[in-house]
Protein backbone atom coordinates (compact mmCIF):
# COMPACT_ATOMS: atom_id res chain seq x y z
CA MET A 1 -0.96 26.25 -20.70
CA ASP A 2 -1.19 28.88 -17.56
CA ASP A 3 1.83 29.35 -17.11
CA GLY A 4 1.20 29.65 -12.43
CA ALA A 5 1.69 26.71 -10.39
CA PRO A 6 -1.55 25.17 -9.62
CA ALA A 7 -2.35 26.54 -5.56
CA VAL A 8 -2.81 23.93 -2.96
CA ASP A 9 -5.53 24.83 -0.84
CA ALA A 10 -5.31 24.49 3.10
CA SER A 11 -8.45 22.73 3.58
CA LEU A 12 -6.69 19.50 1.40
CA ILE A 13 -3.26 20.43 3.57
CA ALA A 14 -4.99 19.72 5.87
CA ARG A 15 -6.74 16.38 5.68
CA LEU A 16 -3.14 15.11 3.72
CA ARG A 17 -1.89 16.27 7.66
CA ALA A 18 -4.89 14.27 9.35
CA ASP A 19 -4.75 11.32 7.67
CA PRO A 20 -0.93 11.24 5.99
CA GLY A 21 -2.06 6.59 5.14
CA ARG A 22 -4.49 7.88 2.08
CA ALA A 23 -3.02 10.55 1.97
CA PRO A 24 -2.70 9.71 -2.33
CA GLU A 25 -6.24 8.86 -2.67
CA THR A 26 -6.75 12.29 -0.62
CA LEU A 27 -4.75 13.95 -3.05
CA ALA A 28 -5.79 12.03 -6.30
CA LEU A 29 -9.01 12.55 -5.56
CA ALA A 30 -8.56 16.51 -5.09
CA ALA A 31 -6.39 16.11 -7.92
CA ALA A 32 -9.84 14.97 -10.37
CA ALA A 33 -11.61 18.17 -8.80
CA ARG A 34 -9.44 20.81 -9.33
CA HIS A 35 -7.40 19.44 -12.79
CA ALA A 36 -9.87 17.70 -14.62
CA PRO A 37 -11.81 21.02 -16.43
CA ALA A 38 -8.50 22.68 -16.62
CA ALA A 39 -6.65 19.12 -18.28
CA SER A 40 -10.07 19.46 -20.31
CA GLU A 41 -10.01 23.74 -20.94
CA TRP A 42 -6.50 23.18 -21.92
CA VAL A 43 -7.10 20.23 -24.50
CA ALA A 44 -9.46 22.12 -26.35
CA GLN A 45 -8.08 25.28 -26.46
CA GLN A 46 -4.45 23.40 -27.92
CA HIS A 47 -7.30 21.83 -30.64
CA GLY A 48 -8.62 25.25 -31.37
CA LYS A 49 -5.34 27.04 -32.68
CA GLY A 50 -5.41 23.72 -34.38
CA ARG A 51 -2.72 21.86 -32.23
CA THR A 52 -4.17 18.08 -32.04
CA ASP A 53 -1.37 16.16 -32.17
CA ALA A 54 -1.39 14.09 -29.31
CA ALA A 55 2.89 14.00 -29.22
CA ASP A 56 3.00 17.46 -29.09
CA LEU A 57 0.52 18.20 -26.74
CA SER A 58 2.07 15.45 -24.72
CA ALA A 59 5.28 17.23 -24.86
CA ARG A 60 3.98 21.15 -24.31
CA ALA A 61 2.53 19.09 -20.72
CA ARG A 62 5.94 17.56 -19.82
CA ARG A 63 7.89 20.36 -20.46
CA SER A 64 5.76 23.70 -18.59
CA HIS A 65 4.97 21.08 -15.73
CA GLY A 66 8.69 20.09 -14.81
CA ARG A 67 9.06 23.39 -15.44
CA LEU A 68 6.93 24.85 -12.76
CA ALA A 69 7.65 21.53 -10.25
CA ARG A 70 11.53 22.68 -10.26
CA LEU A 71 10.60 26.62 -9.59
CA GLY A 72 8.81 25.35 -6.78
CA GLY A 73 11.22 23.85 -5.68
CA ALA A 74 13.83 26.35 -5.51
CA ALA A 75 11.48 28.35 -4.15
CA SER A 76 10.28 25.87 -0.79
CA GLY A 77 13.73 23.66 -0.78
CA LEU A 78 14.55 27.22 0.67
CA GLY A 79 13.90 26.90 4.33
CA GLY A 80 15.13 23.09 4.25
CA ILE A 81 13.83 20.12 6.66
CA ALA A 82 11.10 23.30 7.48
CA THR A 83 9.89 23.44 3.80
CA VAL A 84 10.05 19.18 3.43
CA VAL A 85 6.24 18.76 3.39
CA PRO A 86 5.03 21.79 1.26
CA ASP A 87 7.74 21.36 -1.31
CA LEU A 88 6.36 17.68 -1.51
CA ILE A 89 2.98 18.54 -1.33
CA ALA A 90 3.40 21.19 -4.05
CA VAL A 91 5.00 18.62 -5.88
CA ALA A 92 2.82 15.96 -6.10
CA TRP A 93 0.29 18.12 -7.05
CA ILE A 94 1.73 19.38 -9.84
CA GLN A 95 2.69 15.96 -11.03
CA SER A 96 -0.95 15.03 -10.49
CA ARG A 97 -2.01 18.09 -12.64
CA MET A 98 0.17 16.99 -16.03
CA VAL A 99 -1.09 13.88 -15.84
CA PHE A 100 -4.61 14.68 -16.60
CA TYR A 101 -2.94 17.16 -18.85
CA ILE A 102 -1.43 13.93 -20.70
CA ALA A 103 -4.78 11.95 -20.60
CA GLY A 104 -6.67 14.38 -22.61
CA ALA A 105 -3.75 15.01 -24.26
CA HIS A 106 -4.01 11.13 -26.09
CA GLY A 107 -8.45 12.12 -25.97
CA TYR A 108 -8.87 10.23 -22.82
CA ASP A 109 -11.53 12.14 -20.97
CA PRO A 110 -9.68 13.78 -18.03
CA GLY A 111 -13.22 14.12 -15.98
CA ASP A 112 -13.66 10.17 -16.44
CA ARG A 113 -13.72 8.54 -12.73
CA MET A 114 -10.46 5.91 -13.62
CA ARG A 115 -8.50 9.08 -14.02
CA PRO A 116 -7.53 9.30 -10.51
CA ALA A 117 -7.32 5.66 -10.08
CA GLU A 118 -4.76 5.63 -12.88
CA LEU A 119 -2.74 8.19 -11.67
CA LEU A 120 -2.67 6.32 -8.52
CA VAL A 121 -1.12 3.41 -10.58
CA LEU A 122 1.26 6.08 -12.15
CA GLN A 123 2.31 7.06 -9.11
CA ASP A 124 3.27 2.53 -8.00
CA VAL A 125 0.73 3.48 -5.45
CA PHE A 126 -1.15 0.58 -6.71
CA ASP A 127 -0.91 -2.06 -8.90
CA ASP A 128 -4.49 -2.04 -10.53
CA PRO A 129 -6.28 0.77 -12.19
CA VAL A 130 -9.61 -1.04 -10.80
CA ALA A 131 -8.03 -2.59 -7.12
CA ALA A 132 -7.11 1.68 -6.90
CA ARG A 133 -10.69 3.33 -7.84
CA SER A 134 -12.01 0.79 -5.16
CA ALA A 135 -9.49 2.45 -2.08
CA LEU A 136 -10.48 5.94 -4.01
CA ASP A 137 -14.62 5.26 -3.36
CA GLY A 138 -13.44 4.19 0.66
CA VAL A 139 -11.90 7.00 0.70
CA GLY A 140 -14.27 9.60 -0.48
CA ALA A 141 -16.70 8.19 1.38
CA SER A 142 -15.22 8.59 4.69
CA LEU A 143 -14.12 12.33 3.68
CA ALA A 144 -17.70 12.88 3.36
CA GLY A 145 -18.13 13.94 6.93
CA ALA A 146 -14.94 13.85 8.03
CA TYR A 147 -13.26 15.71 11.18
CA VAL A 148 -10.19 17.53 10.71
CA ASP A 149 -7.94 17.86 13.58
CA GLN A 150 -5.64 20.88 13.91
CA ARG A 151 -3.46 20.34 16.48
CA LEU A 152 -1.46 17.61 14.73
CA LYS A 153 2.09 15.92 16.20
CA ARG A 154 5.22 16.20 14.69
CA GLY A 155 4.79 12.25 13.95
CA ASP A 156 2.14 12.72 11.64
CA ASP A 157 4.46 15.19 9.05
CA GLU A 158 6.61 12.81 9.11
CA ALA A 159 4.39 9.99 8.18
CA LEU A 160 2.90 12.34 5.46
CA VAL A 161 6.81 12.78 4.47
CA SER A 162 7.27 8.82 3.78
CA ARG A 163 4.20 8.95 1.72
CA LEU A 164 5.08 11.75 0.04
CA VAL A 165 8.35 10.78 -1.19
CA ARG A 166 6.96 7.36 -2.28
CA MET A 167 4.74 9.25 -4.14
CA VAL A 168 6.77 11.83 -5.99
CA ALA A 169 10.16 10.48 -5.84
CA LYS A 170 11.64 7.24 -6.87
CA LYS A 171 14.62 7.06 -4.89
CA GLY A 172 13.21 8.27 -1.74
CA GLY A 173 15.31 7.82 0.96
CA GLN A 174 18.34 8.95 -0.80
CA ARG A 175 15.95 12.59 -2.16
CA LEU A 176 14.13 13.13 1.44
CA ALA A 177 18.31 13.72 3.07
CA GLY A 178 19.21 16.05 0.39
CA ARG A 179 16.20 18.30 1.14
CA ALA A 180 17.47 18.71 4.38
CA ILE A 181 21.15 19.95 3.80
CA PRO A 182 21.40 23.60 4.55
CA GLY A 183 22.93 25.18 1.89
CA VAL A 184 21.97 22.77 -1.70
CA ALA A 185 17.98 22.09 -0.51
CA SER A 186 17.21 24.58 -2.46
CA LEU A 187 18.88 23.34 -5.33
CA PHE A 188 18.66 19.95 -4.87
CA SER A 189 14.44 20.46 -4.80
CA ALA A 190 14.44 22.33 -8.06
CA VAL A 191 16.13 19.66 -9.68
CA GLN A 192 14.97 16.25 -8.73
CA ASN A 193 11.11 17.83 -8.74
CA GLU A 194 11.55 18.91 -11.58
CA SER A 195 13.56 15.09 -12.37
CA ASP A 196 10.84 13.30 -10.81
CA THR A 197 8.65 14.87 -12.62
CA LYS A 198 10.19 14.56 -16.47
CA ALA A 199 9.68 11.18 -15.62
CA LEU A 200 6.43 10.29 -14.22
CA ALA A 201 5.57 12.11 -17.43
CA ASP A 202 7.21 10.00 -19.57
CA GLU A 203 5.24 6.59 -17.76
CA ALA A 204 2.16 8.95 -18.59
CA ILE A 205 2.64 9.49 -21.91
CA ARG A 206 3.68 5.18 -22.49
CA PHE A 207 0.05 4.67 -20.54
CA TYR A 208 -2.33 6.95 -22.70
CA GLY A 209 -0.28 6.68 -25.93
CA GLY A 210 -0.76 2.87 -25.54
């Protein structure tokens, strides 16, 4: 598995900031395009090495992405509140990558159109994959001709933070506060990013492992 943290494109960050209300759907579609091929390649490589046990592969994905989330949180947390948005986007991006890897580990095609819908269910954005897929179809159509206004107000970032916290953390308010405390934000972000990522991994393993 690639040990480097997957980069988030600046264009994706701009789209998330331009429409924070649909940030989960926008991120899920981008994740499917970016991470599904990588997940398929990773599974093929693991199988080529004789590693075919789903539980083992899932554990590898959980461990690796938990580490990526921890390292990313330690770096971005150095800026306190100023880096909350990029920190949350980065951990959401890493978590989405992990879910595609875990799905692939259990024999599900990472490129199937239902994978991003299932990601939204695992993130507690939707209760039903079918409803999530319908929402994704609507967002995908609107993004095709979208104009992203780069002159964004502070309120947009606040709305985006609210949506992202609900996606990546189980105790949103408490965990957001910790990310903004000078002197401890880096450690707090590192610990919580890893914890939240591993918790999501456990849910994904149950979901795909049956």
